[in-house]
Amino acid sequence: MDESRAREVLASAGLPPKAELVALGENAVFRADELVVKVGRAPELLERARLSLRIAGWLEESGVPAVRAAHREPLLVEGHPVTLWHRLPQASRPAGPQDLAGLLRRVHALPAPSFALPRRELLGGVERWLRLAGDAIDPEDAAFLRDRRDGFEPAAAALTPHLPPGPIHGDALPRNVLVGPGGAVLSDLETFSFDLREHDLVVMDLSRDRYGLPEETYETFVASYGWDVRTWEGRAVLRGARETASCAWVAQHAPSSPAALQEFRRRVASLRDGDTSVRWLPF
């Protein structure tokens, strides 16, 4: 799904087709007046969209600052799930590691909701992303990632956690936090799960090594959260699984983006070589 297709879906849904595009990934995300509109890539994302709206209601009831749904049910428009959200106020400042850590502590303190949360299927999208990449990527690279997935899936399932499992965000990065006049607010709820809380902590650890997150920023995150996932023996497995998923995620953009194809090749080459010093570019 490219921007033009997403705008066609907006128009069919009766929403402003000239809304401002702010992101194009698993969802095309638009700002439209007082709303944020998310257009999903495929119909199989409908249940995830429905669950994200239910999670938003649960977090509101639980007193966790998070994005709020403007409509309780997703729309399915020409095969694309569409969700509507209240637009957050303008950010007062960039979100920092302490903001993310504080929100994670609140989420990790929650008991399970009355409805079922899925496991964090970190590698569950790999096949779909590779399929969307099609002939744009080298078949040997696709096979390499499938082999990594098949190795990391059982290894991750067998991990013994240090923290008690429970609700997690699933993609815990400062970019998914907005700091407005009322404080820090959590966004992007599609990956909320019930699983190892270490999932949420490995994300920042990987950002330090792969994306150049400054060491002092990572240490601030650890101090604010209260525990360093680097002391856990299962860390390498979750990191490896997330790296595999991150490569495959970029692959889906390769057919329409030369930059995505170049970044995909860079990431796969670094995994083949076992070179953890290669910095990945955010995409």
C-alpha atoms as a PDB file:
ATOM      1  CA  MET A   1       0.000   0.000   0.000  1.00  0.00           C
ATOM      2  CA  ASP A   2       1.464   3.346  -1.059  1.00  0.00           C
ATOM      3  CA  GLU A   3       0.323   6.849  -0.114  1.00  0.00           C
ATOM      4  CA  SER A   4      -2.017   7.230  -3.081  1.00  0.00           C
ATOM      5  CA  ARG A   5      -3.831   3.995  -2.247  1.00  0.00           C
ATOM      6  CA  ALA A   6      -4.148   5.023   1.402  1.00  0.00           C
ATOM      7  CA  ARG A   7      -5.673   8.332   0.325  1.00  0.00           C
ATOM      8  CA  GLU A   8      -8.198   6.493  -1.853  1.00  0.00           C
ATOM      9  CA  VAL A   9      -9.236   4.510   1.241  1.00  0.00           C
ATOM     10  CA  LEU A  10      -9.576   7.750   3.222  1.00  0.00           C
ATOM     11  CA  ALA A  11     -11.875   9.190   0.596  1.00  0.00           C
ATOM     12  CA  SER A  12     -13.988   6.012   0.469  1.00  0.00           C
ATOM     13  CA  ALA A  13     -14.342   6.189   4.258  1.00  0.00           C
ATOM     14  CA  GLY A  14     -15.670   9.743   3.998  1.00  0.00           C
ATOM     15  CA  LEU A  15     -12.536  11.232   5.544  1.00  0.00           C
ATOM     16  CA  PRO A  16     -10.554  14.171   4.145  1.00  0.00           C
ATOM     17  CA  PRO A  17      -8.399  12.752   1.307  1.00  0.00           C
ATOM     18  CA  LYS A  18      -5.985  15.691   1.700  1.00  0.00           C
ATOM     19  CA  ALA A  19      -5.159  14.850   5.315  1.00  0.00           C
ATOM     20  CA  GLU A  20      -1.517  15.151   6.322  1.00  0.00           C
ATOM     21  CA  LEU A  21       0.478  11.915   6.024  1.00  0.00           C
ATOM     22  CA  VAL A  22       2.729  11.477   9.083  1.00  0.00           C
ATOM     23  CA  ALA A  23       3.904   7.860   8.730  1.00  0.00           C
ATOM     24  CA  LEU A  24       3.796   4.981   6.248  1.00  0.00           C
ATOM     25  CA  GLY A  25       4.607   1.593   7.739  1.00  0.00           C
ATOM     26  CA  GLU A  26       2.289  -1.189   8.873  1.00  0.00           C
ATOM     27  CA  ASN A  27      -0.310   1.582   8.786  1.00  0.00           C
ATOM     28  CA  ALA A  28      -0.585   4.767   6.812  1.00  0.00           C
ATOM     29  CA  VAL A  29      -1.090   7.373   9.537  1.00  0.00           C
ATOM     30  CA  PHE A  30      -2.826  10.664   8.745  1.00  0.00           C
ATOM     31  CA  ARG A  31      -3.715  13.773  10.690  1.00  0.00           C
ATOM     32  CA  ALA A  32      -7.200  14.991   9.794  1.00  0.00           C
ATOM     33  CA  ASP A  33      -8.478  17.952  11.830  1.00  0.00           C
ATOM     34  CA  GLU A  34      -8.808  16.706  15.431  1.00  0.00           C
ATOM     35  CA  LEU A  35      -8.353  13.069  14.452  1.00  0.00           C
ATOM     36  CA  VAL A  36      -5.521  10.702  13.698  1.00  0.00           C
ATOM     37  CA  VAL A  37      -6.543   8.084  11.133  1.00  0.00           C
ATOM     38  CA  LYS A  38      -4.708   4.791  10.674  1.00  0.00           C
ATOM     39  CA  VAL A  39      -5.176   2.814   7.469  1.00  0.00           C
ATOM     40  CA  GLY A  40      -3.935  -0.773   7.702  1.00  0.00           C
ATOM     41  CA  ARG A  41      -2.173  -2.497   4.833  1.00  0.00           C
ATOM     42  CA  ALA A  42      -4.279  -5.652   4.634  1.00  0.00           C
ATOM     43  CA  PRO A  43      -7.575  -7.183   5.826  1.00  0.00           C
ATOM     44  CA  GLU A  44      -5.744  -9.673   8.079  1.00  0.00           C
ATOM     45  CA  LEU A  45      -4.841  -6.690  10.299  1.00  0.00           C
ATOM     46  CA  LEU A  46      -8.512  -6.071  11.142  1.00  0.00           C
ATOM     47  CA  GLU A  47      -8.509  -8.087  14.367  1.00  0.00           C
ATOM     48  CA  ARG A  48      -5.324  -6.389  15.518  1.00  0.00           C
ATOM     49  CA  ALA A  49      -6.939  -3.015  14.840  1.00  0.00           C
ATOM     50  CA  ARG A  50     -10.025  -4.043  16.804  1.00  0.00           C
ATOM     51  CA  LEU A  51      -7.881  -5.195  19.709  1.00  0.00           C
ATOM     52  CA  SER A  52      -5.875  -1.952  19.761  1.00  0.00           C
ATOM     53  CA  LEU A  53      -9.111   0.008  20.262  1.00  0.00           C
ATOM     54  CA  ARG A  54     -10.122  -2.271  23.121  1.00  0.00           C
ATOM     55  CA  ILE A  55      -6.671  -1.867  24.684  1.00  0.00           C
ATOM     56  CA  ALA A  56      -7.039   1.917  24.508  1.00  0.00           C
ATOM     57  CA  GLY A  57     -10.254   1.676  26.525  1.00  0.00           C
ATOM     58  CA  TRP A  58      -8.626  -0.622  29.079  1.00  0.00           C
ATOM     59  CA  LEU A  59      -5.641   1.688  29.534  1.00  0.00           C
ATOM     60  CA  GLU A  60      -7.995   4.634  30.025  1.00  0.00           C
ATOM     61  CA  GLU A  61      -9.901   2.706  32.712  1.00  0.00           C
ATOM     62  CA  SER A  62      -6.571   1.740  34.310  1.00  0.00           C
ATOM     63  CA  GLY A  63      -5.367   5.338  34.480  1.00  0.00           C
ATOM     64  CA  VAL A  64      -2.425   4.852  32.113  1.00  0.00           C
ATOM     65  CA  PRO A  65      -1.847   7.915  29.894  1.00  0.00           C
ATOM     66  CA  ALA A  66      -2.270   6.657  26.343  1.00  0.00           C
ATOM     67  CA  VAL A  67      -3.898   7.587  23.062  1.00  0.00           C
ATOM     68  CA  ARG A  68      -7.684   7.471  23.139  1.00  0.00           C
ATOM     69  CA  ALA A  69      -9.953   5.996  20.491  1.00  0.00           C
ATOM     70  CA  ALA A  70     -12.379   8.326  18.728  1.00  0.00           C
ATOM     71  CA  HIS A  71     -14.472   5.386  17.517  1.00  0.00           C
ATOM     72  CA  ARG A  72     -14.779   2.064  19.326  1.00  0.00           C
ATOM     73  CA  GLU A  73     -14.798  -0.185  16.279  1.00  0.00           C
ATOM     74  CA  PRO A  74     -12.556  -0.252  13.216  1.00  0.00           C
ATOM     75  CA  LEU A  75     -13.923   0.288   9.740  1.00  0.00           C
ATOM     76  CA  LEU A  76     -13.097  -2.122   6.938  1.00  0.00           C
ATOM     77  CA  VAL A  77     -12.835  -0.022   3.796  1.00  0.00           C
ATOM     78  CA  GLU A  78     -12.005  -1.741   0.511  1.00  0.00           C
ATOM     79  CA  GLY A  79     -10.083  -4.431   2.376  1.00  0.00           C
ATOM     80  CA  HIS A  80      -8.218  -2.019   4.654  1.00  0.00           C
ATOM     81  CA  PRO A  81      -8.893  -1.678   8.408  1.00  0.00           C
ATOM     82  CA  VAL A  82      -9.302   1.968   9.412  1.00  0.00           C
ATOM     83  CA  THR A  83      -9.178   3.213  13.000  1.00  0.00           C
ATOM     84  CA  LEU A  84      -9.913   6.699  14.335  1.00  0.00           C
ATOM     85  CA  TRP A  85      -8.071   8.277  17.270  1.00  0.00           C
ATOM     86  CA  HIS A  86      -8.215  11.551  19.136  1.00  0.00           C
ATOM     87  CA  ARG A  87      -5.309  13.724  18.086  1.00  0.00           C
ATOM     88  CA  LEU A  88      -2.812  14.420  20.852  1.00  0.00           C
ATOM     89  CA  PRO A  89      -1.764  18.002  21.623  1.00  0.00           C
ATOM     90  CA  GLN A  90       1.451  19.443  20.264  1.00  0.00           C
ATOM     91  CA  ALA A  91       4.498  17.974  21.971  1.00  0.00           C
ATOM     92  CA  SER A  92       6.051  20.196  24.627  1.00  0.00           C
ATOM     93  CA  ARG A  93       9.457  18.563  24.161  1.00  0.00           C
ATOM     94  CA  PRO A  94      10.923  15.370  22.690  1.00  0.00           C
ATOM     95  CA  ALA A  95      10.224  12.227  24.713  1.00  0.00           C
ATOM     96  CA  GLY A  96      13.234  11.020  26.664  1.00  0.00           C
ATOM     97  CA  PRO A  97      14.262   7.644  28.074  1.00  0.00           C
ATOM     98  CA  GLN A  98      12.896   8.523  31.492  1.00  0.00           C
ATOM     99  CA  ASP A  99       9.451   9.213  29.986  1.00  0.00           C
ATOM    100  CA  LEU A 100       9.395   5.826  28.288  1.00  0.00           C
ATOM    101  CA  ALA A 101      10.663   4.026  31.388  1.00  0.00           C
ATOM    102  CA  GLY A 102       8.019   5.646  33.578  1.00  0.00           C
ATOM    103  CA  LEU A 103       5.203   4.573  31.277  1.00  0.00           C
ATOM    104  CA  LEU A 104       6.600   1.048  31.026  1.00  0.00           C
ATOM    105  CA  ARG A 105       6.696   0.745  34.812  1.00  0.00           C
ATOM    106  CA  ARG A 106       2.997   1.635  34.885  1.00  0.00           C
ATOM    107  CA  VAL A 107       2.118  -0.816  32.117  1.00  0.00           C
ATOM    108  CA  HIS A 108       4.226  -3.583  33.671  1.00  0.00           C
ATOM    109  CA  ALA A 109       2.471  -3.080  37.016  1.00  0.00           C
ATOM    110  CA  LEU A 110      -0.955  -3.775  35.480  1.00  0.00           C
ATOM    111  CA  PRO A 111      -2.736  -7.091  35.970  1.00  0.00           C
ATOM    112  CA  ALA A 112      -4.070  -8.837  32.893  1.00  0.00           C
ATOM    113  CA  PRO A 113      -7.240  -7.246  31.473  1.00  0.00           C
ATOM    114  CA  SER A 114     -10.592  -9.018  31.417  1.00  0.00           C
ATOM    115  CA  PHE A 115     -10.063  -9.869  27.728  1.00  0.00           C
ATOM    116  CA  ALA A 116      -7.279 -11.956  26.239  1.00  0.00           C
ATOM    117  CA  LEU A 117      -4.097 -10.285  25.091  1.00  0.00           C
ATOM    118  CA  PRO A 118      -2.059 -12.175  22.474  1.00  0.00           C
ATOM    119  CA  ARG A 119       1.501 -13.351  22.950  1.00  0.00           C
ATOM    120  CA  ARG A 120       4.142 -11.044  21.483  1.00  0.00           C
ATOM    121  CA  GLU A 121       4.512 -12.742  18.130  1.00  0.00           C
ATOM    122  CA  LEU A 122       7.677 -10.866  17.310  1.00  0.00           C
ATOM    123  CA  LEU A 123       8.411 -13.092  14.325  1.00  0.00           C
ATOM    124  CA  GLY A 124       4.795 -13.585  13.283  1.00  0.00           C
ATOM    125  CA  GLY A 125       4.915 -10.945  10.549  1.00  0.00           C
ATOM    126  CA  VAL A 126       8.111 -12.176   8.904  1.00  0.00           C
ATOM    127  CA  GLU A 127       6.402 -14.310   6.261  1.00  0.00           C
ATOM    128  CA  ARG A 128       3.902 -11.601   5.341  1.00  0.00           C
ATOM    129  CA  TRP A 129       6.618  -8.929   5.059  1.00  0.00           C
ATOM    130  CA  LEU A 130       8.793 -11.154   2.893  1.00  0.00           C
ATOM    131  CA  ARG A 131       5.809 -12.001   0.722  1.00  0.00           C
ATOM    132  CA  LEU A 132       5.094  -8.289   0.237  1.00  0.00           C
ATOM    133  CA  ALA A 133       8.741  -7.763  -0.729  1.00  0.00           C
ATOM    134  CA  GLY A 134       8.355 -10.286  -3.545  1.00  0.00           C
ATOM    135  CA  ASP A 135      10.993 -10.258  -6.259  1.00  0.00           C
ATOM    136  CA  ALA A 136      12.469  -6.957  -5.038  1.00  0.00           C
ATOM    137  CA  ILE A 137      14.742  -8.830  -2.628  1.00  0.00           C
ATOM    138  CA  ASP A 138      17.233 -11.637  -3.216  1.00  0.00           C
ATOM    139  CA  PRO A 139      15.545 -15.037  -2.611  1.00  0.00           C
ATOM    140  CA  GLU A 140      18.644 -16.141  -0.704  1.00  0.00           C
ATOM    141  CA  ASP A 141      18.205 -13.241   1.719  1.00  0.00           C
ATOM    142  CA  ALA A 142      14.562 -14.195   2.226  1.00  0.00           C
ATOM    143  CA  ALA A 143      15.557 -17.817   2.869  1.00  0.00           C
ATOM    144  CA  PHE A 144      18.230 -16.659   5.334  1.00  0.00           C
ATOM    145  CA  LEU A 145      15.665 -14.700   7.342  1.00  0.00           C
ATOM    146  CA  ARG A 146      13.209 -17.598   7.310  1.00  0.00           C
ATOM    147  CA  ASP A 147      15.932 -19.865   8.693  1.00  0.00           C
ATOM    148  CA  ARG A 148      16.719 -17.369  11.439  1.00  0.00           C
ATOM    149  CA  ARG A 149      13.022 -17.106  12.273  1.00  0.00           C
ATOM    150  CA  ASP A 150      12.690 -20.869  12.492  1.00  0.00           C
ATOM    151  CA  GLY A 151      15.632 -21.004  14.884  1.00  0.00           C
ATOM    152  CA  PHE A 152      14.675 -18.113  17.129  1.00  0.00           C
ATOM    153  CA  GLU A 153      10.961 -18.981  17.509  1.00  0.00           C
ATOM    154  CA  PRO A 154      11.474 -22.140  19.624  1.00  0.00           C
ATOM    155  CA  ALA A 155      14.417 -20.564  21.444  1.00  0.00           C
ATOM    156  CA  ALA A 156      12.309 -17.568  22.493  1.00  0.00           C
ATOM    157  CA  ALA A 157       9.450 -19.828  23.586  1.00  0.00           C
ATOM    158  CA  ALA A 158      11.824 -21.729  25.885  1.00  0.00           C
ATOM    159  CA  LEU A 159      13.234 -18.676  27.709  1.00  0.00           C
ATOM    160  CA  THR A 160      13.054 -18.384  31.496  1.00  0.00           C
ATOM    161  CA  PRO A 161      12.202 -14.759  32.350  1.00  0.00           C
ATOM    162  CA  HIS A 162      13.694 -12.695  35.151  1.00  0.00           C
ATOM    163  CA  LEU A 163      10.577 -10.533  35.459  1.00  0.00           C
ATOM    164  CA  PRO A 164       7.070 -11.944  35.886  1.00  0.00           C
ATOM    165  CA  PRO A 165       5.249 -12.060  32.519  1.00  0.00           C
ATOM    166  CA  GLY A 166       2.360  -9.664  32.028  1.00  0.00           C
ATOM    167  CA  PRO A 167       1.052  -6.855  29.825  1.00  0.00           C
ATOM    168  CA  ILE A 168       3.693  -5.231  27.625  1.00  0.00           C
ATOM    169  CA  HIS A 169       3.722  -2.514  24.970  1.00  0.00           C
ATOM    170  CA  GLY A 170       5.716  -4.593  22.495  1.00  0.00           C
ATOM    171  CA  ASP A 171       7.481  -1.760  20.641  1.00  0.00           C
ATOM    172  CA  ALA A 172       8.828   0.314  23.500  1.00  0.00           C
ATOM    173  CA  LEU A 173      10.693   3.252  21.972  1.00  0.00           C
ATOM    174  CA  PRO A 174      10.647   6.987  22.798  1.00  0.00           C
ATOM    175  CA  ARG A 175       9.133   7.621  19.352  1.00  0.00           C
ATOM    176  CA  ASN A 176       5.980   5.933  20.678  1.00  0.00           C
ATOM    177  CA  VAL A 177       5.706   8.439  23.513  1.00  0.00           C
ATOM    178  CA  LEU A 178       4.472  12.025  23.237  1.00  0.00           C
ATOM    179  CA  VAL A 179       5.138  14.527  25.990  1.00  0.00           C
ATOM    180  CA  GLY A 180       2.410  17.173  25.999  1.00  0.00           C
ATOM    181  CA  PRO A 181       1.181  19.747  28.513  1.00  0.00           C
ATOM    182  CA  GLY A 182      -0.223  16.982  30.698  1.00  0.00           C
ATOM    183  CA  GLY A 183       2.872  14.775  30.641  1.00  0.00           C
ATOM    184  CA  ALA A 184       3.984  11.666  28.784  1.00  0.00           C
ATOM    185  CA  VAL A 185       1.417   9.680  26.774  1.00  0.00           C
ATOM    186  CA  LEU A 186       1.877   6.229  25.232  1.00  0.00           C
ATOM    187  CA  SER A 187       0.939   5.695  21.583  1.00  0.00           C
ATOM    188  CA  ASP A 188       0.924   2.922  18.955  1.00  0.00           C
ATOM    189  CA  LEU A 189      -0.916   0.189  20.819  1.00  0.00           C
ATOM    190  CA  GLU A 190      -1.043  -2.428  18.039  1.00  0.00           C
ATOM    191  CA  THR A 191       1.730  -4.563  19.554  1.00  0.00           C
ATOM    192  CA  PHE A 192       0.333  -4.680  23.107  1.00  0.00           C
ATOM    193  CA  SER A 193       0.660  -8.252  24.372  1.00  0.00           C
ATOM    194  CA  PHE A 194       0.828 -10.528  27.397  1.00  0.00           C
ATOM    195  CA  ASP A 195       4.350 -11.912  27.406  1.00  0.00           C
ATOM    196  CA  LEU A 196       7.851 -11.542  28.800  1.00  0.00           C
ATOM    197  CA  ARG A 197       8.347  -8.008  30.060  1.00  0.00           C
ATOM    198  CA  GLU A 198      11.918  -8.332  28.876  1.00  0.00           C
ATOM    199  CA  HIS A 199      10.553  -7.777  25.352  1.00  0.00           C
ATOM    200  CA  ASP A 200       9.998  -4.112  26.219  1.00  0.00           C
ATOM    201  CA  LEU A 201      13.500  -3.694  27.638  1.00  0.00           C
ATOM    202  CA  VAL A 202      15.454  -5.379  24.849  1.00  0.00           C
ATOM    203  CA  VAL A 203      14.178  -2.729  22.419  1.00  0.00           C
ATOM    204  CA  MET A 204      16.264   0.041  23.988  1.00  0.00           C
ATOM    205  CA  ASP A 205      19.229  -2.308  24.409  1.00  0.00           C
ATOM    206  CA  LEU A 206      19.126  -3.031  20.674  1.00  0.00           C
ATOM    207  CA  SER A 207      18.730   0.676  19.901  1.00  0.00           C
ATOM    208  CA  ARG A 208      21.974   1.327  21.745  1.00  0.00           C
ATOM    209  CA  ASP A 209      23.898  -1.184  19.646  1.00  0.00           C
ATOM    210  CA  ARG A 210      22.226  -1.031  16.239  1.00  0.00           C
ATOM    211  CA  TYR A 211      20.839   2.509  15.967  1.00  0.00           C
ATOM    212  CA  GLY A 212      23.469   4.475  17.840  1.00  0.00           C
ATOM    213  CA  LEU A 213      21.451   5.365  20.939  1.00  0.00           C
ATOM    214  CA  PRO A 214      23.959   7.164  23.202  1.00  0.00           C
ATOM    215  CA  GLU A 215      25.212   5.143  26.144  1.00  0.00           C
ATOM    216  CA  GLU A 216      24.160   7.831  28.628  1.00  0.00           C
ATOM    217  CA  THR A 217      20.627   7.775  27.209  1.00  0.00           C
ATOM    218  CA  TYR A 218      20.460   4.026  27.686  1.00  0.00           C
ATOM    219  CA  GLU A 219      21.806   4.321  31.241  1.00  0.00           C
ATOM    220  CA  THR A 220      19.129   6.921  32.029  1.00  0.00           C
ATOM    221  CA  PHE A 221      16.492   4.479  30.789  1.00  0.00           C
ATOM    222  CA  VAL A 222      17.897   1.684  32.972  1.00  0.00           C
ATOM    223  CA  ALA A 223      18.084   3.913  36.038  1.00  0.00           C
ATOM    224  CA  SER A 224      14.510   5.142  35.501  1.00  0.00           C
ATOM    225  CA  TYR A 225      13.098   1.646  34.968  1.00  0.00           C
ATOM    226  CA  GLY A 226      15.134   0.005  37.718  1.00  0.00           C
ATOM    227  CA  TRP A 227      16.670  -3.031  36.007  1.00  0.00           C
ATOM    228  CA  ASP A 228      19.115  -3.663  33.161  1.00  0.00           C
ATOM    229  CA  VAL A 229      18.104  -6.415  30.727  1.00  0.00           C
ATOM    230  CA  ARG A 230      21.796  -6.885  29.825  1.00  0.00           C
ATOM    231  CA  THR A 231      22.172  -8.915  33.027  1.00  0.00           C
ATOM    232  CA  TRP A 232      19.642 -11.502  31.777  1.00  0.00           C
ATOM    233  CA  GLU A 233      20.881 -14.639  30.047  1.00  0.00           C
ATOM    234  CA  GLY A 234      17.946 -14.677  27.602  1.00  0.00           C
ATOM    235  CA  ARG A 235      18.793 -11.262  26.204  1.00  0.00           C
ATOM    236  CA  ALA A 236      20.657 -12.530  23.102  1.00  0.00           C
ATOM    237  CA  VAL A 237      17.701 -14.650  21.982  1.00  0.00           C
ATOM    238  CA  LEU A 238      15.172 -11.822  22.126  1.00  0.00           C
ATOM    239  CA  ARG A 239      17.632  -9.454  20.482  1.00  0.00           C
ATOM    240  CA  GLY A 240      18.261 -11.936  17.661  1.00  0.00           C
ATOM    241  CA  ALA A 241      14.553 -12.444  17.111  1.00  0.00           C
ATOM    242  CA  ARG A 242      13.929  -8.710  17.013  1.00  0.00           C
ATOM    243  CA  GLU A 243      16.793  -8.131  14.575  1.00  0.00           C
ATOM    244  CA  THR A 244      15.325 -10.795  12.285  1.00  0.00           C
ATOM    245  CA  ALA A 245      11.889  -9.187  12.424  1.00  0.00           C
ATOM    246  CA  SER A 246      13.339  -5.711  11.830  1.00  0.00           C
ATOM    247  CA  CYS A 247      15.060  -6.883   8.641  1.00  0.00           C
ATOM    248  CA  ALA A 248      11.916  -8.479   7.290  1.00  0.00           C
ATOM    249  CA  TRP A 249       9.842  -5.408   8.194  1.00  0.00           C
ATOM    250  CA  VAL A 250      12.038  -3.184   6.027  1.00  0.00           C
ATOM    251  CA  ALA A 251      11.778  -5.698   3.164  1.00  0.00           C
ATOM    252  CA  GLN A 252       8.079  -4.976   2.627  1.00  0.00           C
ATOM    253  CA  HIS A 253       8.977  -1.436   1.514  1.00  0.00           C
ATOM    254  CA  ALA A 254      11.656  -2.555  -0.952  1.00  0.00           C
ATOM    255  CA  PRO A 255       9.406  -2.790  -4.055  1.00  0.00           C
ATOM    256  CA  SER A 256       8.659   0.947  -3.964  1.00  0.00           C
ATOM    257  CA  SER A 257      11.662   2.376  -2.117  1.00  0.00           C
ATOM    258  CA  PRO A 258      15.300   2.101  -3.228  1.00  0.00           C
ATOM    259  CA  ALA A 259      16.331   3.408   0.197  1.00  0.00           C
ATOM    260  CA  ALA A 260      14.456   0.570   1.893  1.00  0.00           C
ATOM    261  CA  LEU A 261      16.083  -1.991  -0.382  1.00  0.00           C
ATOM    262  CA  GLN A 262      19.532  -0.608   0.393  1.00  0.00           C
ATOM    263  CA  GLU A 263      18.833  -0.659   4.131  1.00  0.00           C
ATOM    264  CA  PHE A 264      17.449  -4.187   3.906  1.00  0.00           C
ATOM    265  CA  ARG A 265      20.638  -5.379   2.219  1.00  0.00           C
ATOM    266  CA  ARG A 266      22.777  -3.614   4.829  1.00  0.00           C
ATOM    267  CA  ARG A 267      20.908  -5.258   7.694  1.00  0.00           C
ATOM    268  CA  VAL A 268      20.959  -8.745   6.229  1.00  0.00           C
ATOM    269  CA  ALA A 269      24.671  -8.493   5.417  1.00  0.00           C
ATOM    270  CA  SER A 270      25.462  -7.492   9.005  1.00  0.00           C
ATOM    271  CA  LEU A 271      23.502 -10.485  10.307  1.00  0.00           C
ATOM    272  CA  ARG A 272      25.205 -12.868   7.879  1.00  0.00           C
ATOM    273  CA  ASP A 273      28.611 -11.548   8.971  1.00  0.00           C
ATOM    274  CA  GLY A 274      27.706 -11.509  12.661  1.00  0.00           C
ATOM    275  CA  ASP A 275      28.891  -7.892  12.725  1.00  0.00           C
ATOM    276  CA  THR A 276      27.138  -6.098  15.591  1.00  0.00           C
ATOM    277  CA  SER A 277      29.155  -2.922  14.943  1.00  0.00           C
ATOM    278  CA  VAL A 278      27.164  -2.109  11.778  1.00  0.00           C
ATOM    279  CA  ARG A 279      24.759   0.708  12.545  1.00  0.00           C
ATOM    280  CA  TRP A 280      21.296   0.381  11.043  1.00  0.00           C
ATOM    281  CA  LEU A 281      19.440   3.403   9.723  1.00  0.00           C
ATOM    282  CA  PRO A 282      15.945   4.044  11.129  1.00  0.00           C
ATOM    283  CA  PHE A 283      13.283   3.499   8.492  1.00  0.00           C
END
